[in-house]
Structure formats: C-alpha cells, structure tokens
Amino acid sequence: MTRLMARTGYDREQATTGLAAAWDEAAPETLKGRSQPGTIRRGVLEVFVSHSAHVQEMGFHKRDVLARLNALVPAEGITDIRCRLVADAGR
C-alpha cells in the first residue's frame, strides 16, 4: 500500500495539504492570503509572496513562524524560510 501511495503521488499530495494547513495557522496575519508555502528542500521552506514588502515582513516574523511550524509539523524538519516573489501568491 505504501508503494502504491508513493507511485501515485497521493502521499505527496497529503503532505502538501498538511503543510498548507499548518502555514495558514502559523503565518502572521499580515501575510495570510498574500503568501503560500511551496516545497521543502534540505529543511528550507520556500514561501511564495505577492509583493517585495511581504518578503521584508516575513523577515520580522521568521523566528516565530519557524517555531509554530515546527510545533505543527515536526516531521517536516523545517530549519529556515526563504521567500520568492510570485504575482498571484496566496490566491
């Protein structure tokens, strides 16, 4: 069953849904609806934001957001957050 889930991509879809839910809970109010989580590579969560000011805003909240994410999804092992600009992030 595990191999079937991996082969069909269902396990990745479930992980993505869980991370999105955790992001909705952990993200600061000023970034909710203006950002969305991407992939995690080597412990770094890529977050897409819609404006360069949100990148700076994330810098102010990064430590708190990391702590909340690690409490919500400890198995992901998130150690850092990097922001990327995307015009329609959070929609």
PDB file of N, CA and C in Angstrom:
ATOM      1  N   MET A   1       0.827  -1.195   0.000  1.00  0.00           N
ATOM      2  CA  MET A   1       0.000   0.000   0.000  1.00  0.00           C
ATOM      3  C   MET A   1       0.872   1.260   0.000  1.00  0.00           C
ATOM      4  N   THR A   2       1.949   1.234   0.763  1.00  0.00           N
ATOM      5  CA  THR A   2       2.846   2.387   0.820  1.00  0.00           C
ATOM      6  C   THR A   2       3.452   2.686  -0.541  1.00  0.00           C
ATOM      7  N   ARG A   3       3.872   1.628  -1.243  1.00  0.00           N
ATOM      8  CA  ARG A   3       4.448   1.819  -2.572  1.00  0.00           C
ATOM      9  C   ARG A   3       3.421   2.377  -3.553  1.00  0.00           C
ATOM     10  N   LEU A   4       2.187   1.907  -3.444  1.00  0.00           N
ATOM     11  CA  LEU A   4       1.130   2.404  -4.312  1.00  0.00           C
ATOM     12  C   LEU A   4       0.886   3.887  -4.070  1.00  0.00           C
ATOM     13  N   MET A   5       0.847   4.288  -2.813  1.00  0.00           N
ATOM     14  CA  MET A   5       0.651   5.696  -2.486  1.00  0.00           C
ATOM     15  C   MET A   5       1.798   6.540  -3.027  1.00  0.00           C
ATOM     16  N   ALA A   6       3.022   6.053  -2.906  1.00  0.00           N
ATOM     17  CA  ALA A   6       4.183   6.794  -3.405  1.00  0.00           C
ATOM     18  C   ALA A   6       4.161   6.880  -4.926  1.00  0.00           C
ATOM     19  N   ARG A   7       3.799   5.786  -5.571  1.00  0.00           N
ATOM     20  CA  ARG A   7       3.789   5.753  -7.025  1.00  0.00           C
ATOM     21  C   ARG A   7       2.722   6.669  -7.611  1.00  0.00           C
ATOM     22  N   THR A   8       1.588   6.784  -6.973  1.00  0.00           N
ATOM     23  CA  THR A   8       0.509   7.618  -7.487  1.00  0.00           C
ATOM     24  C   THR A   8       0.642   9.076  -7.065  1.00  0.00           C
ATOM     25  N   GLY A   9       1.539   9.367  -6.145  1.00  0.00           N
ATOM     26  CA  GLY A   9       1.719  10.737  -5.687  1.00  0.00           C
ATOM     27  C   GLY A   9       0.762  11.148  -4.594  1.00  0.00           C
ATOM     28  N   TYR A  10      -0.049  10.211  -4.109  1.00  0.00           N
ATOM     29  CA  TYR A  10      -1.034  10.523  -3.085  1.00  0.00           C
ATOM     30  C   TYR A  10      -0.360  10.961  -1.785  1.00  0.00           C
ATOM     31  N   ASP A  11       0.764  10.324  -1.446  1.00  0.00           N
ATOM     32  CA  ASP A  11       1.452  10.692  -0.207  1.00  0.00           C
ATOM     33  C   ASP A  11       1.979  12.120  -0.268  1.00  0.00           C
ATOM     34  N   ARG A  12       2.482  12.549  -1.414  1.00  0.00           N
ATOM     35  CA  ARG A  12       2.980  13.920  -1.572  1.00  0.00           C
ATOM     36  C   ARG A  12       1.831  14.920  -1.494  1.00  0.00           C
ATOM     37  N   GLU A  13       0.694  14.553  -2.076  1.00  0.00           N
ATOM     38  CA  GLU A  13      -0.479  15.429  -2.035  1.00  0.00           C
ATOM     39  C   GLU A  13      -0.947  15.630  -0.598  1.00  0.00           C
ATOM     40  N   GLN A  14      -0.949  14.571   0.190  1.00  0.00           N
ATOM     41  CA  GLN A  14      -1.349  14.671   1.590  1.00  0.00           C
ATOM     42  C   GLN A  14      -0.385  15.539   2.387  1.00  0.00           C
ATOM     43  N   ALA A  15       0.915  15.391   2.119  1.00  0.00           N
ATOM     44  CA  ALA A  15       1.918  16.201   2.813  1.00  0.00           C
ATOM     45  C   ALA A  15       1.762  17.672   2.447  1.00  0.00           C
ATOM     46  N   THR A  16       1.486  17.954   1.185  1.00  0.00           N
ATOM     47  CA  THR A  16       1.300  19.330   0.734  1.00  0.00           C
ATOM     48  C   THR A  16       0.079  19.952   1.393  1.00  0.00           C
ATOM     49  N   THR A  17      -0.990  19.189   1.492  1.00  0.00           N
ATOM     50  CA  THR A  17      -2.203  19.682   2.138  1.00  0.00           C
ATOM     51  C   THR A  17      -1.957  19.970   3.606  1.00  0.00           C
ATOM     52  N   GLY A  18      -1.213  19.090   4.277  1.00  0.00           N
ATOM     53  CA  GLY A  18      -0.888  19.290   5.687  1.00  0.00           C
ATOM     54  C   GLY A  18      -0.023  20.513   5.907  1.00  0.00           C
ATOM     55  N   LEU A  19       0.942  20.740   5.018  1.00  0.00           N
ATOM     56  CA  LEU A  19       1.811  21.905   5.123  1.00  0.00           C
ATOM     57  C   LEU A  19       1.018  23.187   4.876  1.00  0.00           C
ATOM     58  N   ALA A  20       0.108  23.158   3.917  1.00  0.00           N
ATOM     59  CA  ALA A  20      -0.721  24.342   3.640  1.00  0.00           C
ATOM     60  C   ALA A  20      -1.591  24.686   4.846  1.00  0.00           C
ATOM     61  N   ALA A  21      -2.145  23.684   5.490  1.00  0.00           N
ATOM     62  CA  ALA A  21      -2.960  23.921   6.681  1.00  0.00           C
ATOM     63  C   ALA A  21      -2.111  24.479   7.820  1.00  0.00           C
ATOM     64  N   ALA A  22      -0.912  23.929   7.990  1.00  0.00           N
ATOM     65  CA  ALA A  22      -0.009  24.423   9.025  1.00  0.00           C
ATOM     66  C   ALA A  22       0.412  25.863   8.724  1.00  0.00           C
ATOM     67  N   TRP A  23       0.665  26.175   7.440  1.00  0.00           N
ATOM     68  CA  TRP A  23       1.039  27.535   7.059  1.00  0.00           C
ATOM     69  C   TRP A  23      -0.084  28.510   7.369  1.00  0.00           C
ATOM     70  N   ASP A  24      -1.317  28.130   7.078  1.00  0.00           N
ATOM     71  CA  ASP A  24      -2.462  29.001   7.372  1.00  0.00           C
ATOM     72  C   ASP A  24      -2.553  29.327   8.856  1.00  0.00           C
ATOM     73  N   GLU A  25      -2.160  28.383   9.681  1.00  0.00           N
ATOM     74  CA  GLU A  25      -2.204  28.601  11.129  1.00  0.00           C
ATOM     75  C   GLU A  25      -0.981  29.359  11.638  1.00  0.00           C
ATOM     76  N   ALA A  26       0.185  29.121  11.050  1.00  0.00           N
ATOM     77  CA  ALA A  26       1.433  29.693  11.551  1.00  0.00           C
ATOM     78  C   ALA A  26       1.763  31.059  10.962  1.00  0.00           C
ATOM     79  N   ALA A  27       1.257  31.368   9.779  1.00  0.00           N
ATOM     80  CA  ALA A  27       1.604  32.626   9.111  1.00  0.00           C
ATOM     81  C   ALA A  27       1.065  33.824   9.887  1.00  0.00           C
ATOM     82  N   PRO A  28       1.819  34.907   9.910  1.00  0.00           N
ATOM     83  CA  PRO A  28       1.325  36.123  10.561  1.00  0.00           C
ATOM     84  C   PRO A  28       0.095  36.672   9.837  1.00  0.00           C
ATOM     85  N   GLU A  29      -0.732  37.373  10.554  1.00  0.00           N
ATOM     86  CA  GLU A  29      -1.980  37.906   9.975  1.00  0.00           C
ATOM     87  C   GLU A  29      -1.716  38.768   8.746  1.00  0.00           C
ATOM     88  N   THR A  30      -0.615  39.502   8.756  1.00  0.00           N
ATOM     89  CA  THR A  30      -0.318  40.399   7.641  1.00  0.00           C
ATOM     90  C   THR A  30       0.028  39.644   6.362  1.00  0.00           C
ATOM     91  N   LEU A  31       0.387  38.364   6.471  1.00  0.00           N
ATOM     92  CA  LEU A  31       0.752  37.583   5.293  1.00  0.00           C
ATOM     93  C   LEU A  31      -0.301  36.560   4.875  1.00  0.00           C
ATOM     94  N   LYS A  32      -1.311  36.375   5.691  1.00  0.00           N
ATOM     95  CA  LYS A  32      -2.364  35.427   5.328  1.00  0.00           C
ATOM     96  C   LYS A  32      -3.103  35.945   4.105  1.00  0.00           C
ATOM     97  N   GLY A  33      -3.258  35.077   3.110  1.00  0.00           N
ATOM     98  CA  GLY A  33      -3.905  35.466   1.877  1.00  0.00           C
ATOM     99  C   GLY A  33      -2.964  36.139   0.887  1.00  0.00           C
ATOM    100  N   ARG A  34      -1.758  36.416   1.334  1.00  0.00           N
ATOM    101  CA  ARG A  34      -0.763  37.055   0.462  1.00  0.00           C
ATOM    102  C   ARG A  34       0.470  36.185   0.291  1.00  0.00           C
ATOM    103  N   SER A  35       0.400  34.973   0.821  1.00  0.00           N
ATOM    104  CA  SER A  35       1.541  34.061   0.739  1.00  0.00           C
ATOM    105  C   SER A  35       1.034  32.628   0.692  1.00  0.00           C
ATOM    106  N   GLN A  36       1.911  31.738   0.240  1.00  0.00           N
ATOM    107  CA  GLN A  36       1.575  30.315   0.242  1.00  0.00           C
ATOM    108  C   GLN A  36       2.865  29.510   0.315  1.00  0.00           C
ATOM    109  N   PRO A  37       2.814  28.371   0.994  1.00  0.00           N
ATOM    110  CA  PRO A  37       4.016  27.556   1.112  1.00  0.00           C
ATOM    111  C   PRO A  37       4.307  26.802  -0.180  1.00  0.00           C
ATOM    112  N   GLY A  38       5.572  26.587  -0.429  1.00  0.00           N
ATOM    113  CA  GLY A  38       5.993  25.802  -1.586  1.00  0.00           C
ATOM    114  C   GLY A  38       6.570  24.484  -1.114  1.00  0.00           C
ATOM    115  N   THR A  39       7.729  24.141  -1.625  1.00  0.00           N
ATOM    116  CA  THR A  39       8.362  22.873  -1.265  1.00  0.00           C
ATOM    117  C   THR A  39       9.395  23.078  -0.167  1.00  0.00           C
ATOM    118  N   ILE A  40       9.754  21.956   0.442  1.00  0.00           N
ATOM    119  CA  ILE A  40      10.807  21.955   1.452  1.00  0.00           C
ATOM    120  C   ILE A  40      11.977  21.189   0.873  1.00  0.00           C
ATOM    121  N   ARG A  41      13.117  21.847   0.809  1.00  0.00           N
ATOM    122  CA  ARG A  41      14.342  21.199   0.329  1.00  0.00           C
ATOM    123  C   ARG A  41      15.429  21.407   1.352  1.00  0.00           C
ATOM    124  N   ARG A  42      15.963  20.300   1.841  1.00  0.00           N
ATOM    125  CA  ARG A  42      17.038  20.340   2.841  1.00  0.00           C
ATOM    126  C   ARG A  42      16.677  21.205   4.040  1.00  0.00           C
ATOM    127  N   GLY A  43      15.435  21.128   4.454  1.00  0.00           N
ATOM    128  CA  GLY A  43      14.979  21.851   5.635  1.00  0.00           C
ATOM    129  C   GLY A  43      14.557  23.288   5.390  1.00  0.00           C
ATOM    130  N   VAL A  44      14.659  23.762   4.152  1.00  0.00           N
ATOM    131  CA  VAL A  44      14.304  25.144   3.835  1.00  0.00           C
ATOM    132  C   VAL A  44      12.946  25.177   3.150  1.00  0.00           C
ATOM    133  N   LEU A  45      12.007  25.854   3.776  1.00  0.00           N
ATOM    134  CA  LEU A  45      10.668  26.009   3.212  1.00  0.00           C
ATOM    135  C   LEU A  45      10.659  27.211   2.279  1.00  0.00           C
ATOM    136  N   GLU A  46      10.236  26.988   1.063  1.00  0.00           N
ATOM    137  CA  GLU A  46      10.099  28.071   0.093  1.00  0.00           C
ATOM    138  C   GLU A  46       8.681  28.621   0.220  1.00  0.00           C
ATOM    139  N   VAL A  47       8.577  29.925   0.437  1.00  0.00           N
ATOM    140  CA  VAL A  47       7.281  30.575   0.586  1.00  0.00           C
ATOM    141  C   VAL A  47       7.130  31.598  -0.529  1.00  0.00           C
ATOM    142  N   PHE A  48       6.001  31.543  -1.207  1.00  0.00           N
ATOM    143  CA  PHE A  48       5.724  32.476  -2.289  1.00  0.00           C
ATOM    144  C   PHE A  48       4.908  33.638  -1.744  1.00  0.00           C
ATOM    145  N   VAL A  49       5.372  34.857  -2.016  1.00  0.00           N
ATOM    146  CA  VAL A  49       4.674  36.058  -1.560  1.00  0.00           C
ATOM    147  C   VAL A  49       4.371  36.929  -2.778  1.00  0.00           C
ATOM    148  N   SER A  50       3.385  37.815  -2.633  1.00  0.00           N
ATOM    149  CA  SER A  50       2.904  38.586  -3.768  1.00  0.00           C
ATOM    150  C   SER A  50       3.545  39.962  -3.919  1.00  0.00           C
ATOM    151  N   HIS A  51       4.354  40.398  -2.956  1.00  0.00           N
ATOM    152  CA  HIS A  51       4.943  41.734  -3.030  1.00  0.00           C
ATOM    153  C   HIS A  51       6.265  41.747  -2.268  1.00  0.00           C
ATOM    154  N   SER A  52       7.187  42.567  -2.718  1.00  0.00           N
ATOM    155  CA  SER A  52       8.505  42.606  -2.075  1.00  0.00           C
ATOM    156  C   SER A  52       8.426  43.077  -0.619  1.00  0.00           C
ATOM    157  N   ALA A  53       7.439  43.866  -0.282  1.00  0.00           N
ATOM    158  CA  ALA A  53       7.273  44.294   1.109  1.00  0.00           C
ATOM    159  C   ALA A  53       6.951  43.104   2.013  1.00  0.00           C
ATOM    160  N   HIS A  54       6.303  42.090   1.467  1.00  0.00           N
ATOM    161  CA  HIS A  54       5.971  40.902   2.254  1.00  0.00           C
ATOM    162  C   HIS A  54       7.221  40.088   2.561  1.00  0.00           C
ATOM    163  N   VAL A  55       8.218  40.160   1.695  1.00  0.00           N
ATOM    164  CA  VAL A  55       9.494  39.491   1.971  1.00  0.00           C
ATOM    165  C   VAL A  55      10.112  40.106   3.219  1.00  0.00           C
ATOM    166  N   GLN A  56      10.106  41.422   3.294  1.00  0.00           N
ATOM    167  CA  GLN A  56      10.654  42.111   4.459  1.00  0.00           C
ATOM    168  C   GLN A  56       9.818  41.811   5.698  1.00  0.00           C
ATOM    169  N   GLU A  57       8.519  41.798   5.549  1.00  0.00           N
ATOM    170  CA  GLU A  57       7.618  41.480   6.667  1.00  0.00           C
ATOM    171  C   GLU A  57       7.912  40.089   7.212  1.00  0.00           C
ATOM    172  N   MET A  58       8.166  39.145   6.308  1.00  0.00           N
ATOM    173  CA  MET A  58       8.477  37.780   6.735  1.00  0.00           C
ATOM    174  C   MET A  58       9.758  37.757   7.559  1.00  0.00           C
ATOM    175  N   GLY A  59      10.703  38.603   7.216  1.00  0.00           N
ATOM    176  CA  GLY A  59      11.942  38.685   7.984  1.00  0.00           C
ATOM    177  C   GLY A  59      11.703  39.031   9.441  1.00  0.00           C
ATOM    178  N   PHE A  60      10.725  39.869   9.710  1.00  0.00           N
ATOM    179  CA  PHE A  60      10.400  40.252  11.088  1.00  0.00           C
ATOM    180  C   PHE A  60       9.768  39.108  11.873  1.00  0.00           C
ATOM    181  N   HIS A  61       9.054  38.233  11.192  1.00  0.00           N
ATOM    182  CA  HIS A  61       8.284  37.177  11.856  1.00  0.00           C
ATOM    183  C   HIS A  61       8.902  35.784  11.720  1.00  0.00           C
ATOM    184  N   LYS A  62      10.013  35.676  11.029  1.00  0.00           N
ATOM    185  CA  LYS A  62      10.562  34.365  10.664  1.00  0.00           C
ATOM    186  C   LYS A  62      10.777  33.447  11.870  1.00  0.00           C
ATOM    187  N   ARG A  63      11.380  33.943  12.921  1.00  0.00           N
ATOM    188  CA  ARG A  63      11.679  33.105  14.085  1.00  0.00           C
ATOM    189  C   ARG A  63      10.407  32.527  14.711  1.00  0.00           C
ATOM    190  N   ASP A  64       9.384  33.362  14.860  1.00  0.00           N
ATOM    191  CA  ASP A  64       8.120  32.895  15.443  1.00  0.00           C
ATOM    192  C   ASP A  64       7.411  31.905  14.523  1.00  0.00           C
ATOM    193  N   VAL A  65       7.427  32.179  13.232  1.00  0.00           N
ATOM    194  CA  VAL A  65       6.772  31.293  12.265  1.00  0.00           C
ATOM    195  C   VAL A  65       7.465  29.935  12.242  1.00  0.00           C
ATOM    196  N   LEU A  66       8.798  29.935  12.267  1.00  0.00           N
ATOM    197  CA  LEU A  66       9.535  28.665  12.298  1.00  0.00           C
ATOM    198  C   LEU A  66       9.170  27.847  13.535  1.00  0.00           C
ATOM    199  N   ALA A  67       9.081  28.497  14.673  1.00  0.00           N
ATOM    200  CA  ALA A  67       8.726  27.790  15.906  1.00  0.00           C
ATOM    201  C   ALA A  67       7.325  27.196  15.806  1.00  0.00           C
ATOM    202  N   ARG A  68       6.365  27.964  15.277  1.00  0.00           N
ATOM    203  CA  ARG A  68       4.995  27.458  15.138  1.00  0.00           C
ATOM    204  C   ARG A  68       4.908  26.317  14.135  1.00  0.00           C
ATOM    205  N   LEU A  69       5.612  26.455  13.014  1.00  0.00           N
ATOM    206  CA  LEU A  69       5.591  25.384  12.007  1.00  0.00           C
ATOM    207  C   LEU A  69       6.193  24.100  12.562  1.00  0.00           C
ATOM    208  N   ASN A  70       7.292  24.218  13.295  1.00  0.00           N
ATOM    209  CA  ASN A  70       7.922  23.020  13.851  1.00  0.00           C
ATOM    210  C   ASN A  70       7.068  22.368  14.930  1.00  0.00           C
ATOM    211  N   ALA A  71       6.228  23.154  15.588  1.00  0.00           N
ATOM    212  CA  ALA A  71       5.289  22.572  16.553  1.00  0.00           C
ATOM    213  C   ALA A  71       4.126  21.882  15.828  1.00  0.00           C
ATOM    214  N   LEU A  72       3.699  22.450  14.690  1.00  0.00           N
ATOM    215  CA  LEU A  72       2.558  21.903  13.953  1.00  0.00           C
ATOM    216  C   LEU A  72       2.928  20.715  13.071  1.00  0.00           C
ATOM    217  N   VAL A  73       4.080  20.780  12.413  1.00  0.00           N
ATOM    218  CA  VAL A  73       4.518  19.701  11.517  1.00  0.00           C
ATOM    219  C   VAL A  73       5.984  19.347  11.808  1.00  0.00           C
ATOM    220  N   PRO A  74       6.250  18.743  12.952  1.00  0.00           N
ATOM    221  CA  PRO A  74       7.637  18.456  13.337  1.00  0.00           C
ATOM    222  C   PRO A  74       8.347  17.479  12.395  1.00  0.00           C
ATOM    223  N   ALA A  75       7.603  16.616  11.740  1.00  0.00           N
ATOM    224  CA  ALA A  75       8.218  15.625  10.851  1.00  0.00           C
ATOM    225  C   ALA A  75       8.853  16.264   9.619  1.00  0.00           C
ATOM    226  N   GLU A  76       8.459  17.476   9.267  1.00  0.00           N
ATOM    227  CA  GLU A  76       8.994  18.149   8.086  1.00  0.00           C
ATOM    228  C   GLU A  76      10.415  18.655   8.298  1.00  0.00           C
ATOM    229  N   GLY A  77      10.802  18.922   9.547  1.00  0.00           N
ATOM    230  CA  GLY A  77      12.167  19.358   9.850  1.00  0.00           C
ATOM    231  C   GLY A  77      12.538  20.694   9.222  1.00  0.00           C
ATOM    232  N   ILE A  78      11.653  21.670   9.301  1.00  0.00           N
ATOM    233  CA  ILE A  78      11.897  22.980   8.697  1.00  0.00           C
ATOM    234  C   ILE A  78      12.872  23.771   9.563  1.00  0.00           C
ATOM    235  N   THR A  79      13.980  24.204   8.956  1.00  0.00           N
ATOM    236  CA  THR A  79      15.002  24.957   9.687  1.00  0.00           C
ATOM    237  C   THR A  79      15.113  26.406   9.219  1.00  0.00           C
ATOM    238  N   ASP A  80      14.563  26.717   8.053  1.00  0.00           N
ATOM    239  CA  ASP A  80      14.663  28.073   7.521  1.00  0.00           C
ATOM    240  C   ASP A  80      13.507  28.325   6.558  1.00  0.00           C
ATOM    241  N   ILE A  81      13.269  29.591   6.273  1.00  0.00           N
ATOM    242  CA  ILE A  81      12.236  30.002   5.330  1.00  0.00           C
ATOM    243  C   ILE A  81      12.866  30.960   4.337  1.00  0.00           C
ATOM    244  N   ARG A  82      12.623  30.727   3.072  1.00  0.00           N
ATOM    245  CA  ARG A  82      13.077  31.633   2.010  1.00  0.00           C
ATOM    246  C   ARG A  82      11.857  32.080   1.227  1.00  0.00           C
ATOM    247  N   CYS A  83      11.791  33.360   0.928  1.00  0.00           N
ATOM    248  CA  CYS A  83      10.647  33.910   0.202  1.00  0.00           C
ATOM    249  C   CYS A  83      10.995  34.157  -1.256  1.00  0.00           C
ATOM    250  N   ARG A  84      10.018  33.914  -2.115  1.00  0.00           N
ATOM    251  CA  ARG A  84      10.129  34.197  -3.552  1.00  0.00           C
ATOM    252  C   ARG A  84       8.909  34.993  -3.973  1.00  0.00           C
ATOM    253  N   LEU A  85       9.132  35.931  -4.866  1.00  0.00           N
ATOM    254  CA  LEU A  85       8.029  36.744  -5.373  1.00  0.00           C
ATOM    255  C   LEU A  85       7.301  36.021  -6.501  1.00  0.00           C
ATOM    256  N   VAL A  86       5.984  35.975  -6.384  1.00  0.00           N
ATOM    257  CA  VAL A  86       5.106  35.448  -7.423  1.00  0.00           C
ATOM    258  C   VAL A  86       3.885  36.355  -7.432  1.00  0.00           C
ATOM    259  N   ALA A  87       3.520  36.834  -8.590  1.00  0.00           N
ATOM    260  CA  ALA A  87       2.460  37.841  -8.707  1.00  0.00           C
ATOM    261  C   ALA A  87       1.150  37.418  -8.065  1.00  0.00           C
ATOM    262  N   ASP A  88       0.746  36.174  -8.187  1.00  0.00           N
ATOM    263  CA  ASP A  88      -0.555  35.759  -7.661  1.00  0.00           C
ATOM    264  C   ASP A  88      -0.430  34.835  -6.448  1.00  0.00           C
ATOM    265  N   ALA A  89       0.579  35.018  -5.629  1.00  0.00           N
ATOM    266  CA  ALA A  89       0.770  34.179  -4.432  1.00  0.00           C
ATOM    267  C   ALA A  89      -0.375  34.408  -3.453  1.00  0.00           C
ATOM    268  N   GLY A  90      -0.813  33.330  -2.838  1.00  0.00           N
ATOM    269  CA  GLY A  90      -1.853  33.405  -1.822  1.00  0.00           C
ATOM    270  C   GLY A  90      -3.263  33.400  -2.358  1.00  0.00           C
ATOM    271  N   ARG A  91      -3.430  33.359  -3.652  1.00  0.00           N
ATOM    272  CA  ARG A  91      -4.783  33.348  -4.209  1.00  0.00           C
ATOM    273  C   ARG A  91      -5.288  31.973  -4.425  1.00  0.00           C
TER     274      ARG A  91
END
